[in-house]
Protein backbone atom coordinates (compact mmCIF):
# COMPACT_ATOMS: atom_id res chain seq x y z
CA GLY A 1 4.85 40.68 -55.52
CA THR A 2 7.99 42.11 -57.14
CA GLU A 3 5.98 44.13 -59.65
CA SER A 4 3.80 45.77 -57.03
CA ALA A 5 6.81 46.44 -54.90
CA SER A 6 8.76 48.17 -57.80
CA THR A 7 5.53 50.11 -58.63
CA ALA A 8 5.41 51.26 -54.82
CA GLU A 9 9.04 52.44 -55.20
CA GLY A 10 8.23 54.28 -58.41
CA ILE A 11 5.32 56.03 -56.66
CA GLU A 12 7.65 56.87 -53.60
CA ARG A 13 10.21 58.34 -55.84
CA GLU A 14 7.69 60.50 -57.53
CA ALA A 15 6.45 61.60 -54.16
CA ASP A 16 9.85 62.36 -53.01
CA ASP A 17 10.64 64.33 -56.13
CA GLY A 18 7.89 66.93 -55.31
CA PRO A 19 6.95 69.56 -57.96
CA ALA A 20 10.03 68.31 -60.21
CA SER A 21 8.29 64.89 -60.88
CA THR A 22 7.12 64.31 -64.44
CA ALA A 23 3.41 63.80 -63.41
CA ASP A 24 3.05 67.19 -61.79
CA PRO A 25 3.46 69.28 -65.00
CA GLU A 26 0.87 67.20 -66.68
CA ALA A 27 -1.37 67.47 -63.89
CA LEU A 28 -1.10 71.19 -63.91
CA ALA A 29 -1.63 71.47 -67.55
CA THR A 30 -4.81 69.38 -67.20
CA ASP A 31 -5.95 71.63 -64.22
CA ALA A 32 -5.33 74.66 -66.32
CA ALA A 33 -7.32 73.39 -69.18
CA VAL A 34 -10.18 72.56 -66.86
CA ASP A 35 -9.96 76.10 -65.34
CA ASP A 36 -9.97 77.60 -68.91
CA VAL A 37 -13.08 75.68 -69.76
CA SER A 38 -15.05 76.65 -66.55
CA THR A 39 -14.47 80.45 -66.93
CA ASN A 40 -17.97 80.89 -68.11
CA GLU A 41 -18.91 80.01 -64.39
CA PRO A 42 -16.96 82.06 -62.07
CA VAL A 43 -18.76 80.54 -59.13
CA ALA A 44 -17.62 77.05 -60.20
CA ASP A 45 -14.19 78.36 -61.05
CA THR A 46 -13.80 79.84 -57.44
CA GLU A 47 -14.93 76.59 -55.82
CA THR A 48 -12.33 74.75 -58.03
CA ASP A 49 -9.62 77.18 -56.94
CA ALA A 50 -10.69 77.07 -53.18
CA ASP A 51 -10.75 73.02 -53.27
CA GLY A 52 -7.51 72.92 -55.35
CA PRO A 53 -4.83 72.88 -52.53
CA VAL A 54 -6.87 70.82 -50.26
CA PRO A 55 -6.98 67.52 -52.31
CA GLY A 56 -3.27 67.74 -52.62
CA ASP A 57 -2.85 67.98 -48.96
CA ASP A 58 -5.18 64.93 -48.38
CA ALA A 59 -3.84 62.98 -51.51
CA PHE A 60 -2.24 60.31 -49.19
CA ASP A 61 -5.53 59.60 -47.14
CA GLY A 62 -6.51 55.97 -47.44
CA SER A 63 -3.23 54.89 -48.91
CA PRO A 64 -0.15 53.29 -47.39
CA PHE A 65 2.03 56.37 -48.48
CA GLU A 66 2.65 59.29 -46.26
CA SER A 67 3.37 62.89 -47.39
CA ALA A 68 7.02 63.87 -47.57
CA GLY A 69 6.24 66.94 -45.34
CA VAL A 70 7.08 67.30 -41.63
CA GLU A 71 7.38 63.97 -39.99
CA ASP A 72 5.49 63.08 -36.64
CA ALA A 73 8.95 62.01 -35.30
CA ASP A 74 10.46 65.37 -36.18
CA LEU A 75 7.64 67.29 -34.25
CA ALA A 76 7.91 64.86 -31.25
CA THR A 77 11.72 65.44 -31.17
CA GLU A 78 11.26 69.24 -31.28
CA VAL A 79 8.44 69.22 -28.63
CA ALA A 80 10.61 66.94 -26.26
CA ALA A 81 13.51 69.50 -26.74
CA LEU A 82 11.26 72.49 -25.99
CA ARG A 83 9.96 70.56 -22.97
CA ARG A 84 13.23 70.01 -21.56
CA THR A 85 14.18 73.74 -22.08
CA VAL A 86 10.95 74.85 -20.26
CA GLU A 87 11.65 72.31 -17.41
CA ALA A 88 15.17 73.53 -16.91
CA GLN A 89 13.95 77.35 -16.97
CA SER A 90 11.19 76.26 -14.32
CA GLU A 91 13.82 74.73 -12.02
CA ARG A 92 15.96 77.78 -12.32
CA LEU A 93 13.04 80.17 -11.41
CA ASP A 94 12.22 77.76 -8.60
CA ARG A 95 15.76 77.97 -7.12
CA GLN A 96 15.83 81.84 -7.75
CA SER A 97 12.49 82.16 -5.76
CA ALA A 98 13.75 80.08 -2.88
CA LEU A 99 17.02 82.05 -2.85
CA ILE A 100 15.01 85.40 -2.91
CA GLU A 101 12.82 84.21 -0.08
CA GLN A 102 15.90 83.06 1.93
CA LEU A 103 17.48 86.56 1.36
CA ILE A 104 14.29 88.19 2.60
CA GLU A 105 14.31 86.18 5.62
CA GLU A 106 17.99 86.79 6.30
CA LEU A 107 17.42 90.62 5.89
CA ARG A 108 14.50 90.53 8.22
CA ARG A 109 16.48 88.96 10.87
CA GLY A 110 19.47 91.31 10.32
CA ARG A 111 17.24 94.33 10.95
């Protein structure tokens, strides 16, 4: 119980540290060594490079941990703020349209 909790906290700390964590330089060194070995096969090397960033993006799939990137709550908050802004602008446009129509009617009556 306690051991797995402290392990989870350690993993979370590593994830929060991002590129500065101690595991990343070792992983990068290992990846560089693998790339050096595979230079005899340019097609395989290209595939490795193309797939390189994708596993990093999906590294948290199937685990209880989440990426430290943009949170859904942050996106939801931003979308809600944008929605309020757009709704306020729409209301202003509706009022302006009504006033313009009223002005046109008053001008027609005055002529």
